[in-house]
Amino acid sequence: MANSIQIPNNQKQVPVINPALFTVWLLIVASIMLFAAFCSAYIVHQTDGQLNNNWKEFALPLEFWLSGGIVILTSVFIEWAFQAAKKDNINILPALFTITMILALAFCLSQWFGIQEMISKGLFFRNENSDEISSSFVYVFVGVHVVHIFFGICLLFAGIFKSAKLKIHKKNLLFITICKTYWHFLGILWLYLLLFLYFAK
């Protein structure tokens, strides 16, 4: 009789990541690569611009730094919501999702005011009759990041309804895990961009 191969009962199984969460991580990696390309282009053009005397240095508007504080608060509240869901404290989830979304909208508003401040100082996406493109990169960073924020707001909007219908709890954490992962990424990304623009001058 052929000997049968037995698998030990105590053998650890390799954890399998949920496909939806895996997709989010793929999108995050793709976004990191995209912004890494933007930052590399910034450095290259900055070097060329300084050699050709057509690279203008300027201080970032205060509104952009304010938005950094706001995006930290969004991470705080979405993490609070996640911890509440883990403890099955589901009654406060709709309020926490709503506050996070309001903060996300405030972030977008602060970005708008930051752009308006740049325009008031003559810092446009591309100045006419000028080769200066330093301000153009700020517009690109802000614009592409706000697009990411828009998708994050859509997640929060869906989270308000899901939590109101009691579809988020300790036995169903997938959606809120995706939300908090994505929003933590957005916060870290914006803080990185701020520091990059500040120290790359």
N, C-alpha and C. Protein backbone atom coordinates (compact mmCIF):
# COMPACT_ATOMS: atom_id res chain seq x y z
N MET A 1 0.85 -1.18 0.00
CA MET A 1 0.00 0.00 0.00
C MET A 1 0.89 1.24 0.00
N ALA A 2 0.54 2.16 -0.86
CA ALA A 2 1.33 3.40 -0.94
C ALA A 2 1.10 4.23 0.30
N ASN A 3 2.21 4.79 0.79
CA ASN A 3 2.12 5.63 1.96
C ASN A 3 1.43 6.96 1.60
N SER A 4 0.47 7.37 2.37
CA SER A 4 -0.22 8.63 2.12
C SER A 4 0.55 9.77 2.77
N ILE A 5 0.54 10.89 2.14
CA ILE A 5 1.22 12.07 2.65
C ILE A 5 0.27 12.85 3.52
N GLN A 6 0.64 13.03 4.74
CA GLN A 6 -0.21 13.74 5.67
C GLN A 6 0.35 15.13 5.93
N ILE A 7 -0.52 16.09 5.94
CA ILE A 7 -0.14 17.47 6.22
C ILE A 7 -0.40 17.73 7.70
N PRO A 8 0.58 18.18 8.43
CA PRO A 8 0.38 18.45 9.86
C PRO A 8 -0.75 19.43 10.09
N ASN A 9 -1.56 19.13 11.10
CA ASN A 9 -2.70 20.00 11.39
C ASN A 9 -2.27 21.37 11.90
N ASN A 10 -1.06 21.42 12.50
CA ASN A 10 -0.61 22.68 13.08
C ASN A 10 0.18 23.54 12.10
N GLN A 11 0.20 23.12 10.82
CA GLN A 11 0.92 23.90 9.80
C GLN A 11 0.22 25.23 9.56
N LYS A 12 0.98 26.31 9.60
CA LYS A 12 0.41 27.63 9.43
C LYS A 12 0.03 27.88 7.97
N GLN A 13 -1.14 28.46 7.78
CA GLN A 13 -1.58 28.82 6.44
C GLN A 13 -1.07 30.21 6.09
N VAL A 14 -0.71 30.38 4.84
CA VAL A 14 -0.24 31.68 4.37
C VAL A 14 -1.45 32.61 4.25
N PRO A 15 -1.42 33.76 4.92
CA PRO A 15 -2.57 34.67 4.83
C PRO A 15 -2.76 35.18 3.41
N VAL A 16 -4.02 35.26 3.02
CA VAL A 16 -4.35 35.71 1.67
C VAL A 16 -5.03 37.07 1.77
N ILE A 17 -4.47 38.05 1.07
CA ILE A 17 -5.03 39.40 1.10
C ILE A 17 -6.29 39.45 0.24
N ASN A 18 -7.27 40.18 0.70
CA ASN A 18 -8.51 40.32 -0.06
C ASN A 18 -8.24 40.99 -1.40
N PRO A 19 -8.87 40.52 -2.50
CA PRO A 19 -8.62 41.10 -3.83
C PRO A 19 -8.89 42.60 -3.90
N ALA A 20 -9.95 43.06 -3.23
CA ALA A 20 -10.26 44.49 -3.27
C ALA A 20 -9.18 45.30 -2.57
N LEU A 21 -8.72 44.83 -1.41
CA LEU A 21 -7.65 45.53 -0.70
C LEU A 21 -6.34 45.46 -1.48
N PHE A 22 -6.11 44.33 -2.12
CA PHE A 22 -4.91 44.18 -2.95
C PHE A 22 -4.93 45.18 -4.11
N THR A 23 -6.11 45.38 -4.69
CA THR A 23 -6.25 46.34 -5.79
C THR A 23 -5.93 47.76 -5.31
N VAL A 24 -6.40 48.08 -4.11
CA VAL A 24 -6.11 49.40 -3.54
C VAL A 24 -4.60 49.58 -3.38
N TRP A 25 -3.93 48.56 -2.88
CA TRP A 25 -2.48 48.66 -2.72
C TRP A 25 -1.76 48.78 -4.06
N LEU A 26 -2.29 48.12 -5.09
CA LEU A 26 -1.71 48.28 -6.42
C LEU A 26 -1.85 49.72 -6.90
N LEU A 27 -3.03 50.31 -6.67
CA LEU A 27 -3.26 51.70 -7.06
C LEU A 27 -2.35 52.65 -6.28
N ILE A 28 -2.13 52.33 -5.01
CA ILE A 28 -1.24 53.15 -4.19
C ILE A 28 0.19 53.09 -4.73
N VAL A 29 0.64 51.89 -5.07
CA VAL A 29 1.99 51.73 -5.63
C VAL A 29 2.11 52.49 -6.95
N ALA A 30 1.06 52.40 -7.79
CA ALA A 30 1.08 53.12 -9.06
C ALA A 30 1.13 54.63 -8.83
N SER A 31 0.40 55.11 -7.84
CA SER A 31 0.40 56.55 -7.52
C SER A 31 1.77 56.99 -7.01
N ILE A 32 2.39 56.15 -6.21
CA ILE A 32 3.73 56.47 -5.71
C ILE A 32 4.71 56.59 -6.87
N MET A 33 4.62 55.68 -7.82
CA MET A 33 5.49 55.74 -8.99
C MET A 33 5.22 57.00 -9.82
N LEU A 34 3.95 57.38 -9.92
CA LEU A 34 3.60 58.58 -10.68
C LEU A 34 4.20 59.82 -10.05
N PHE A 35 4.03 59.97 -8.74
CA PHE A 35 4.55 61.15 -8.07
C PHE A 35 6.07 61.12 -7.98
N ALA A 36 6.65 59.92 -7.94
CA ALA A 36 8.11 59.82 -7.98
C ALA A 36 8.63 60.36 -9.31
N ALA A 37 7.90 60.08 -10.38
CA ALA A 37 8.28 60.59 -11.70
C ALA A 37 8.17 62.12 -11.74
N PHE A 38 7.10 62.65 -11.14
CA PHE A 38 6.94 64.12 -11.07
C PHE A 38 8.09 64.76 -10.28
N CYS A 39 8.44 64.14 -9.17
CA CYS A 39 9.52 64.70 -8.34
C CYS A 39 10.86 64.64 -9.08
N SER A 40 11.08 63.55 -9.80
CA SER A 40 12.31 63.44 -10.58
C SER A 40 12.38 64.51 -11.66
N ALA A 41 11.23 64.74 -12.31
CA ALA A 41 11.18 65.78 -13.35
C ALA A 41 11.41 67.16 -12.74
N TYR A 42 10.89 67.37 -11.54
CA TYR A 42 11.09 68.64 -10.84
C TYR A 42 12.58 68.89 -10.63
N ILE A 43 13.27 67.89 -10.12
CA ILE A 43 14.70 68.04 -9.83
C ILE A 43 15.50 68.31 -11.09
N VAL A 44 15.17 67.58 -12.17
CA VAL A 44 15.88 67.77 -13.43
C VAL A 44 15.66 69.17 -13.98
N HIS A 45 14.40 69.62 -14.01
CA HIS A 45 14.10 70.95 -14.54
C HIS A 45 14.63 72.05 -13.62
N GLN A 46 14.65 71.78 -12.33
CA GLN A 46 15.19 72.77 -11.40
C GLN A 46 16.69 72.99 -11.67
N THR A 47 17.40 71.90 -11.88
CA THR A 47 18.83 72.00 -12.16
C THR A 47 19.08 72.77 -13.45
N ASP A 48 18.33 72.41 -14.50
CA ASP A 48 18.48 73.12 -15.78
C ASP A 48 18.07 74.58 -15.65
N GLY A 49 16.98 74.82 -14.92
CA GLY A 49 16.49 76.19 -14.77
C GLY A 49 17.45 77.08 -14.02
N GLN A 50 18.09 76.55 -13.01
CA GLN A 50 19.05 77.34 -12.25
C GLN A 50 20.28 77.66 -13.09
N LEU A 51 20.66 76.75 -13.96
CA LEU A 51 21.79 77.01 -14.85
C LEU A 51 21.45 78.08 -15.88
N ASN A 52 20.19 78.09 -16.32
CA ASN A 52 19.75 79.03 -17.36
C ASN A 52 19.08 80.28 -16.77
N ASN A 53 19.08 80.39 -15.44
CA ASN A 53 18.49 81.55 -14.76
C ASN A 53 17.02 81.76 -15.08
N ASN A 54 16.29 80.68 -15.24
CA ASN A 54 14.85 80.81 -15.48
C ASN A 54 14.04 79.93 -14.54
N TRP A 55 14.60 79.72 -13.34
CA TRP A 55 13.89 78.95 -12.32
C TRP A 55 13.59 79.89 -11.15
N LYS A 56 12.33 80.15 -10.91
CA LYS A 56 11.94 81.13 -9.89
C LYS A 56 11.64 80.45 -8.57
N GLU A 57 12.33 80.88 -7.52
CA GLU A 57 12.06 80.37 -6.18
C GLU A 57 10.93 81.18 -5.54
N PHE A 58 10.05 80.50 -4.83
CA PHE A 58 8.96 81.19 -4.13
C PHE A 58 8.51 80.34 -2.95
N ALA A 59 7.96 81.00 -1.95
CA ALA A 59 7.46 80.30 -0.77
C ALA A 59 6.07 79.75 -1.05
N LEU A 60 5.82 78.55 -0.56
CA LEU A 60 4.49 77.97 -0.72
C LEU A 60 3.47 78.77 0.08
N PRO A 61 2.29 78.96 -0.48
CA PRO A 61 1.24 79.67 0.26
C PRO A 61 0.93 78.99 1.59
N LEU A 62 0.57 79.79 2.58
CA LEU A 62 0.25 79.27 3.91
C LEU A 62 -0.91 78.27 3.86
N GLU A 63 -1.81 78.47 2.89
CA GLU A 63 -2.98 77.59 2.78
C GLU A 63 -2.58 76.14 2.53
N PHE A 64 -1.48 75.92 1.82
CA PHE A 64 -1.03 74.55 1.57
C PHE A 64 -0.55 73.89 2.86
N TRP A 65 0.11 74.67 3.72
CA TRP A 65 0.54 74.13 5.00
C TRP A 65 -0.67 73.87 5.90
N LEU A 66 -1.66 74.75 5.81
CA LEU A 66 -2.90 74.54 6.56
C LEU A 66 -3.57 73.24 6.12
N SER A 67 -3.57 72.98 4.83
CA SER A 67 -4.18 71.75 4.32
C SER A 67 -3.45 70.52 4.84
N GLY A 68 -2.15 70.68 5.14
CA GLY A 68 -1.41 69.57 5.74
C GLY A 68 -1.97 69.20 7.10
N GLY A 69 -2.31 70.22 7.89
CA GLY A 69 -2.94 69.96 9.19
C GLY A 69 -4.31 69.32 9.05
N ILE A 70 -5.05 69.77 8.04
CA ILE A 70 -6.39 69.22 7.81
C ILE A 70 -6.32 67.75 7.42
N VAL A 71 -5.37 67.41 6.56
CA VAL A 71 -5.29 66.03 6.09
C VAL A 71 -4.85 65.10 7.22
N ILE A 72 -4.08 65.63 8.18
CA ILE A 72 -3.74 64.82 9.35
C ILE A 72 -4.99 64.51 10.16
N LEU A 73 -5.88 65.51 10.29
CA LEU A 73 -7.12 65.30 11.02
C LEU A 73 -8.01 64.26 10.34
N THR A 74 -8.01 64.24 9.01
CA THR A 74 -8.82 63.22 8.31
C THR A 74 -8.32 61.82 8.67
N SER A 75 -7.00 61.66 8.75
CA SER A 75 -6.44 60.36 9.13
C SER A 75 -6.83 60.00 10.55
N VAL A 76 -6.81 60.99 11.44
CA VAL A 76 -7.18 60.75 12.83
C VAL A 76 -8.62 60.24 12.93
N PHE A 77 -9.53 60.89 12.21
CA PHE A 77 -10.95 60.52 12.33
C PHE A 77 -11.26 59.20 11.62
N ILE A 78 -10.61 58.92 10.50
CA ILE A 78 -10.89 57.65 9.83
C ILE A 78 -10.29 56.50 10.63
N GLU A 79 -9.17 56.75 11.30
CA GLU A 79 -8.60 55.72 12.18
C GLU A 79 -9.49 55.51 13.40
N TRP A 80 -10.05 56.59 13.91
CA TRP A 80 -11.01 56.50 15.02
C TRP A 80 -12.20 55.65 14.61
N ALA A 81 -12.70 55.89 13.39
CA ALA A 81 -13.84 55.11 12.89
C ALA A 81 -13.47 53.63 12.78
N PHE A 82 -12.27 53.34 12.31
CA PHE A 82 -11.83 51.95 12.16
C PHE A 82 -11.76 51.26 13.52
N GLN A 83 -11.18 51.94 14.50
CA GLN A 83 -11.09 51.35 15.84
C GLN A 83 -12.47 51.15 16.45
N ALA A 84 -13.38 52.09 16.19
CA ALA A 84 -14.75 51.95 16.69
C ALA A 84 -15.44 50.74 16.06
N ALA A 85 -15.22 50.55 14.77
CA ALA A 85 -15.82 49.40 14.08
C ALA A 85 -15.26 48.09 14.63
N LYS A 86 -13.98 48.04 14.93
CA LYS A 86 -13.37 46.84 15.49
C LYS A 86 -13.98 46.48 16.84
N LYS A 87 -14.37 47.50 17.59
CA LYS A 87 -14.98 47.28 18.90
C LYS A 87 -16.51 47.18 18.82
N ASP A 88 -17.02 47.19 17.58
CA ASP A 88 -18.47 47.11 17.34
C ASP A 88 -19.22 48.31 17.92
N ASN A 89 -18.52 49.42 18.04
CA ASN A 89 -19.16 50.66 18.47
C ASN A 89 -19.69 51.38 17.23
N ILE A 90 -20.68 50.76 16.62
CA ILE A 90 -21.11 51.17 15.28
C ILE A 90 -22.02 52.40 15.28
N ASN A 91 -22.53 52.79 16.43
CA ASN A 91 -23.45 53.93 16.47
C ASN A 91 -22.78 55.24 16.09
N ILE A 92 -21.48 55.36 16.33
CA ILE A 92 -20.79 56.62 16.04
C ILE A 92 -20.16 56.63 14.66
N LEU A 93 -20.23 55.53 13.94
CA LEU A 93 -19.57 55.45 12.63
C LEU A 93 -20.09 56.47 11.62
N PRO A 94 -21.43 56.63 11.47
CA PRO A 94 -21.91 57.63 10.51
C PRO A 94 -21.37 59.03 10.79
N ALA A 95 -21.32 59.40 12.08
CA ALA A 95 -20.82 60.73 12.44
C ALA A 95 -19.34 60.86 12.12
N LEU A 96 -18.57 59.81 12.39
CA LEU A 96 -17.12 59.86 12.12
C LEU A 96 -16.84 59.92 10.62
N PHE A 97 -17.59 59.17 9.84
CA PHE A 97 -17.45 59.25 8.38
C PHE A 97 -17.82 60.64 7.88
N THR A 98 -18.88 61.21 8.44
CA THR A 98 -19.32 62.53 8.01
C THR A 98 -18.28 63.59 8.34
N ILE A 99 -17.73 63.54 9.55
CA ILE A 99 -16.70 64.50 9.93
C ILE A 99 -15.48 64.37 9.04
N THR A 100 -15.10 63.14 8.74
CA THR A 100 -13.94 62.92 7.87
C THR A 100 -14.19 63.51 6.48
N MET A 101 -15.43 63.34 5.97
CA MET A 101 -15.73 63.88 4.66
C MET A 101 -15.74 65.41 4.67
N ILE A 102 -16.26 66.00 5.73
CA ILE A 102 -16.24 67.46 5.85
C ILE A 102 -14.81 67.98 5.85
N LEU A 103 -13.94 67.28 6.58
CA LEU A 103 -12.52 67.67 6.61
C LEU A 103 -11.89 67.50 5.22
N ALA A 104 -12.29 66.46 4.51
CA ALA A 104 -11.76 66.26 3.15
C ALA A 104 -12.18 67.40 2.23
N LEU A 105 -13.42 67.85 2.37
CA LEU A 105 -13.88 68.98 1.56
C LEU A 105 -13.16 70.27 1.98
N ALA A 106 -12.89 70.41 3.28
CA ALA A 106 -12.13 71.56 3.76
C ALA A 106 -10.71 71.54 3.20
N PHE A 107 -10.16 70.35 3.06
CA PHE A 107 -8.84 70.21 2.46
C PHE A 107 -8.85 70.73 1.03
N CYS A 108 -9.86 70.32 0.26
CA CYS A 108 -9.97 70.79 -1.12
C CYS A 108 -10.13 72.30 -1.18
N LEU A 109 -10.91 72.85 -0.24
CA LEU A 109 -11.11 74.29 -0.20
C LEU A 109 -9.81 75.02 0.10
N SER A 110 -9.03 74.49 1.02
CA SER A 110 -7.74 75.11 1.34
C SER A 110 -6.80 75.05 0.15
N GLN A 111 -6.89 73.97 -0.63
CA GLN A 111 -6.09 73.87 -1.84
C GLN A 111 -6.49 74.95 -2.85
N TRP A 112 -7.78 75.17 -2.95
CA TRP A 112 -8.29 76.20 -3.86
C TRP A 112 -7.78 77.58 -3.45
N PHE A 113 -7.84 77.87 -2.17
CA PHE A 113 -7.33 79.16 -1.69
C PHE A 113 -5.82 79.28 -1.91
N GLY A 114 -5.13 78.16 -1.78
CA GLY A 114 -3.69 78.16 -2.04
C GLY A 114 -3.38 78.50 -3.48
N ILE A 115 -4.15 77.92 -4.38
CA ILE A 115 -3.97 78.22 -5.81
C ILE A 115 -4.30 79.67 -6.10
N GLN A 116 -5.36 80.18 -5.49
CA GLN A 116 -5.72 81.58 -5.69
C GLN A 116 -4.62 82.51 -5.19
N GLU A 117 -3.98 82.14 -4.10
CA GLU A 117 -2.87 82.94 -3.58
C GLU A 117 -1.70 82.95 -4.55
N MET A 118 -1.44 81.81 -5.16
CA MET A 118 -0.37 81.75 -6.16
C MET A 118 -0.69 82.65 -7.35
N ILE A 119 -1.93 82.61 -7.80
CA ILE A 119 -2.34 83.44 -8.94
C ILE A 119 -2.20 84.92 -8.61
N SER A 120 -2.57 85.28 -7.37
CA SER A 120 -2.46 86.68 -6.97
C SER A 120 -1.01 87.17 -6.96
N LYS A 121 -0.10 86.24 -6.82
CA LYS A 121 1.33 86.59 -6.81
C LYS A 121 1.97 86.43 -8.19
N GLY A 122 1.15 86.19 -9.20
CA GLY A 122 1.67 86.05 -10.56
C GLY A 122 2.33 84.71 -10.82
N LEU A 123 1.99 83.71 -10.02
CA LEU A 123 2.55 82.37 -10.20
C LEU A 123 1.49 81.50 -10.87
N PHE A 124 1.58 81.42 -12.19
CA PHE A 124 0.57 80.69 -12.97
C PHE A 124 1.08 79.30 -13.35
N PHE A 125 0.16 78.52 -13.94
CA PHE A 125 0.56 77.18 -14.40
C PHE A 125 1.70 77.28 -15.40
N ARG A 126 1.61 78.23 -16.29
CA ARG A 126 2.71 78.51 -17.20
C ARG A 126 2.66 79.99 -17.55
N ASN A 127 3.68 80.73 -17.15
CA ASN A 127 3.71 82.15 -17.42
C ASN A 127 3.91 82.43 -18.90
N GLU A 128 3.10 83.34 -19.44
CA GLU A 128 3.24 83.71 -20.85
C GLU A 128 4.57 84.42 -21.07
N ASN A 129 5.15 84.14 -22.22
CA ASN A 129 6.42 84.76 -22.62
C ASN A 129 7.52 84.52 -21.58
N SER A 130 7.48 83.35 -20.93
CA SER A 130 8.48 83.04 -19.93
C SER A 130 8.74 81.54 -19.91
N ASP A 131 9.98 81.19 -19.65
CA ASP A 131 10.34 79.78 -19.56
C ASP A 131 10.29 79.27 -18.12
N GLU A 132 9.87 80.12 -17.18
CA GLU A 132 9.80 79.70 -15.79
C GLU A 132 8.69 78.66 -15.61
N ILE A 133 9.05 77.52 -15.09
CA ILE A 133 8.06 76.45 -14.91
C ILE A 133 8.02 75.95 -13.47
N SER A 134 8.72 76.63 -12.56
CA SER A 134 8.74 76.16 -11.17
C SER A 134 7.34 76.10 -10.57
N SER A 135 6.52 77.11 -10.83
CA SER A 135 5.16 77.11 -10.29
C SER A 135 4.28 76.06 -10.95
N SER A 136 4.62 75.69 -12.18
CA SER A 136 3.82 74.69 -12.90
C SER A 136 3.80 73.36 -12.16
N PHE A 137 4.92 73.00 -11.55
CA PHE A 137 4.98 71.74 -10.84
C PHE A 137 4.04 71.74 -9.63
N VAL A 138 3.91 72.87 -8.97
CA VAL A 138 2.99 72.95 -7.83
C VAL A 138 1.57 72.69 -8.30
N TYR A 139 1.19 73.27 -9.42
CA TYR A 139 -0.14 73.04 -9.97
C TYR A 139 -0.36 71.56 -10.29
N VAL A 140 0.68 70.92 -10.83
CA VAL A 140 0.57 69.50 -11.17
C VAL A 140 0.42 68.66 -9.90
N PHE A 141 1.27 68.93 -8.91
CA PHE A 141 1.19 68.18 -7.66
C PHE A 141 -0.19 68.33 -7.02
N VAL A 142 -0.66 69.57 -6.93
CA VAL A 142 -1.95 69.84 -6.30
C VAL A 142 -3.09 69.21 -7.11
N GLY A 143 -3.06 69.40 -8.42
CA GLY A 143 -4.15 68.91 -9.26
C GLY A 143 -4.29 67.40 -9.23
N VAL A 144 -3.18 66.69 -9.38
CA VAL A 144 -3.24 65.22 -9.39
C VAL A 144 -3.61 64.69 -8.02
N HIS A 145 -3.10 65.34 -6.97
CA HIS A 145 -3.45 64.90 -5.62
C HIS A 145 -4.93 65.13 -5.33
N VAL A 146 -5.48 66.22 -5.77
CA VAL A 146 -6.91 66.49 -5.56
C VAL A 146 -7.77 65.45 -6.29
N VAL A 147 -7.31 64.98 -7.44
CA VAL A 147 -8.03 63.91 -8.13
C VAL A 147 -8.09 62.67 -7.23
N HIS A 148 -6.98 62.36 -6.58
CA HIS A 148 -6.96 61.24 -5.64
C HIS A 148 -7.91 61.51 -4.47
N ILE A 149 -7.93 62.75 -4.01
CA ILE A 149 -8.82 63.12 -2.91
C ILE A 149 -10.28 62.91 -3.31
N PHE A 150 -10.61 63.22 -4.55
CA PHE A 150 -11.98 63.06 -5.04
C PHE A 150 -12.44 61.61 -4.88
N PHE A 151 -11.59 60.66 -5.25
CA PHE A 151 -11.96 59.25 -5.11
C PHE A 151 -12.07 58.88 -3.62
N GLY A 152 -11.23 59.50 -2.79
CA GLY A 152 -11.34 59.27 -1.36
C GLY A 152 -12.65 59.78 -0.80
N ILE A 153 -13.10 60.92 -1.29
CA ILE A 153 -14.39 61.48 -0.85
C ILE A 153 -15.54 60.55 -1.25
N CYS A 154 -15.45 59.97 -2.43
CA CYS A 154 -16.47 59.01 -2.87
C CYS A 154 -16.53 57.82 -1.92
N LEU A 155 -15.36 57.35 -1.46
CA LEU A 155 -15.33 56.25 -0.49
C LEU A 155 -16.01 56.66 0.81
N LEU A 156 -15.71 57.87 1.26
CA LEU A 156 -16.30 58.35 2.51
C LEU A 156 -17.81 58.50 2.38
N PHE A 157 -18.26 58.98 1.23
CA PHE A 157 -19.69 59.15 0.98
C PHE A 157 -20.39 57.79 1.06
N ALA A 158 -19.76 56.79 0.44
CA ALA A 158 -20.33 55.44 0.50
C ALA A 158 -20.28 54.91 1.93
N GLY A 159 -19.23 55.27 2.66
CA GLY A 159 -19.11 54.81 4.04
C GLY A 159 -20.20 55.35 4.94
N ILE A 160 -20.64 56.58 4.68
CA ILE A 160 -21.74 57.16 5.48
C ILE A 160 -22.99 56.30 5.35
N PHE A 161 -23.32 55.88 4.13
CA PHE A 161 -24.53 55.10 3.91
C PHE A 161 -24.36 53.66 4.42
N LYS A 162 -23.18 53.09 4.21
CA LYS A 162 -22.95 51.73 4.69
C LYS A 162 -23.03 51.65 6.21
N SER A 163 -22.42 52.64 6.86
CA SER A 163 -22.45 52.63 8.33
C SER A 163 -23.84 52.93 8.86
N ALA A 164 -24.59 53.77 8.17
CA ALA A 164 -25.96 54.07 8.59
C ALA A 164 -26.86 52.83 8.49
N LYS A 165 -26.53 51.96 7.52
CA LYS A 165 -27.29 50.72 7.34
C LYS A 165 -26.69 49.56 8.13
N LEU A 166 -25.74 49.89 9.02
CA LEU A 166 -25.11 48.90 9.91
C LEU A 166 -24.38 47.80 9.14
N LYS A 167 -23.83 48.16 8.00
CA LYS A 167 -23.09 47.18 7.19
C LYS A 167 -21.60 47.16 7.52
N ILE A 168 -21.18 48.03 8.44
CA ILE A 168 -19.79 48.05 8.88
C ILE A 168 -19.75 47.72 10.36
N HIS A 169 -19.08 46.63 10.71
CA HIS A 169 -18.97 46.19 12.10
C HIS A 169 -17.73 45.32 12.23
N LYS A 170 -17.52 44.76 13.42
CA LYS A 170 -16.27 44.03 13.66
C LYS A 170 -16.13 42.76 12.82
N LYS A 171 -17.23 42.27 12.28
CA LYS A 171 -17.16 41.09 11.43
C LYS A 171 -17.14 41.44 9.94
N ASN A 172 -17.21 42.72 9.66
CA ASN A 172 -17.18 43.17 8.26
C ASN A 172 -16.37 44.47 8.19
N LEU A 173 -15.05 44.34 8.23
CA LEU A 173 -14.16 45.50 8.28
C LEU A 173 -13.49 45.81 6.95
N LEU A 174 -13.83 45.08 5.91
CA LEU A 174 -13.12 45.25 4.64
C LEU A 174 -13.24 46.67 4.11
N PHE A 175 -14.47 47.18 4.04
CA PHE A 175 -14.66 48.50 3.43
C PHE A 175 -13.94 49.58 4.21
N ILE A 176 -14.07 49.58 5.53
CA ILE A 176 -13.45 50.63 6.33
C ILE A 176 -11.92 50.45 6.35
N THR A 177 -11.44 49.23 6.17
CA THR A 177 -10.00 49.01 6.04
C THR A 177 -9.48 49.65 4.76
N ILE A 178 -10.24 49.51 3.68
CA ILE A 178 -9.87 50.14 2.42
C ILE A 178 -9.88 51.66 2.57
N CYS A 179 -10.90 52.19 3.24
CA CYS A 179 -11.01 53.65 3.43
C CYS A 179 -9.82 54.19 4.22
N LYS A 180 -9.51 53.55 5.33
CA LYS A 180 -8.44 54.10 6.17
C LYS A 180 -7.08 53.91 5.52
N THR A 181 -6.89 52.81 4.79
CA THR A 181 -5.62 52.61 4.07
C THR A 181 -5.42 53.70 3.02
N TYR A 182 -6.47 53.98 2.26
CA TYR A 182 -6.38 54.97 1.20
C TYR A 182 -6.17 56.37 1.76
N TRP A 183 -6.89 56.70 2.84
CA TRP A 183 -6.78 58.05 3.40
C TRP A 183 -5.46 58.27 4.11
N HIS A 184 -4.94 57.25 4.76
CA HIS A 184 -3.61 57.38 5.36
C HIS A 184 -2.57 57.63 4.26
N PHE A 185 -2.73 56.95 3.15
CA PHE A 185 -1.82 57.16 2.03
C PHE A 185 -1.90 58.58 1.52
N LEU A 186 -3.12 59.10 1.34
CA LEU A 186 -3.29 60.46 0.84
C LEU A 186 -2.66 61.48 1.78
N GLY A 187 -2.81 61.26 3.08
CA GLY A 187 -2.22 62.18 4.04
C GLY A 187 -0.70 62.15 4.00
N ILE A 188 -0.14 60.96 3.99
CA ILE A 188 1.32 60.83 3.93
C ILE A 188 1.86 61.43 2.63
N LEU A 189 1.13 61.19 1.54
CA LEU A 189 1.56 61.70 0.24
C LEU A 189 1.61 63.23 0.24
N TRP A 190 0.56 63.88 0.75
CA TRP A 190 0.54 65.34 0.74
C TRP A 190 1.62 65.93 1.63
N LEU A 191 1.83 65.33 2.80
CA LEU A 191 2.89 65.82 3.68
C LEU A 191 4.26 65.65 3.03
N TYR A 192 4.43 64.54 2.32
CA TYR A 192 5.69 64.34 1.60
C TYR A 192 5.90 65.41 0.54
N LEU A 193 4.84 65.70 -0.22
CA LEU A 193 4.95 66.70 -1.28
C LEU A 193 5.28 68.08 -0.71
N LEU A 194 4.66 68.42 0.42
CA LEU A 194 4.96 69.69 1.06
C LEU A 194 6.44 69.78 1.43
N LEU A 195 6.93 68.72 2.08
CA LEU A 195 8.33 68.73 2.51
C LEU A 195 9.28 68.69 1.32
N PHE A 196 8.88 67.97 0.28
CA PHE A 196 9.71 67.92 -0.93
C PHE A 196 9.85 69.31 -1.54
N LEU A 197 8.73 70.00 -1.71
CA LEU A 197 8.76 71.34 -2.31
C LEU A 197 9.50 72.33 -1.43
N TYR A 198 9.42 72.15 -0.13
CA TYR A 198 10.09 73.06 0.80
C TYR A 198 11.61 72.86 0.77
N PHE A 199 12.05 71.62 0.81
CA PHE A 199 13.49 71.35 0.91
C PHE A 199 14.18 71.26 -0.45
N ALA A 200 13.41 71.12 -1.53
CA ALA A 200 14.02 70.99 -2.85
C ALA A 200 14.37 72.35 -3.46
N LYS A 201 14.04 73.42 -2.74
CA LYS A 201 14.29 74.77 -3.28
C LYS A 201 15.79 75.01 -3.38
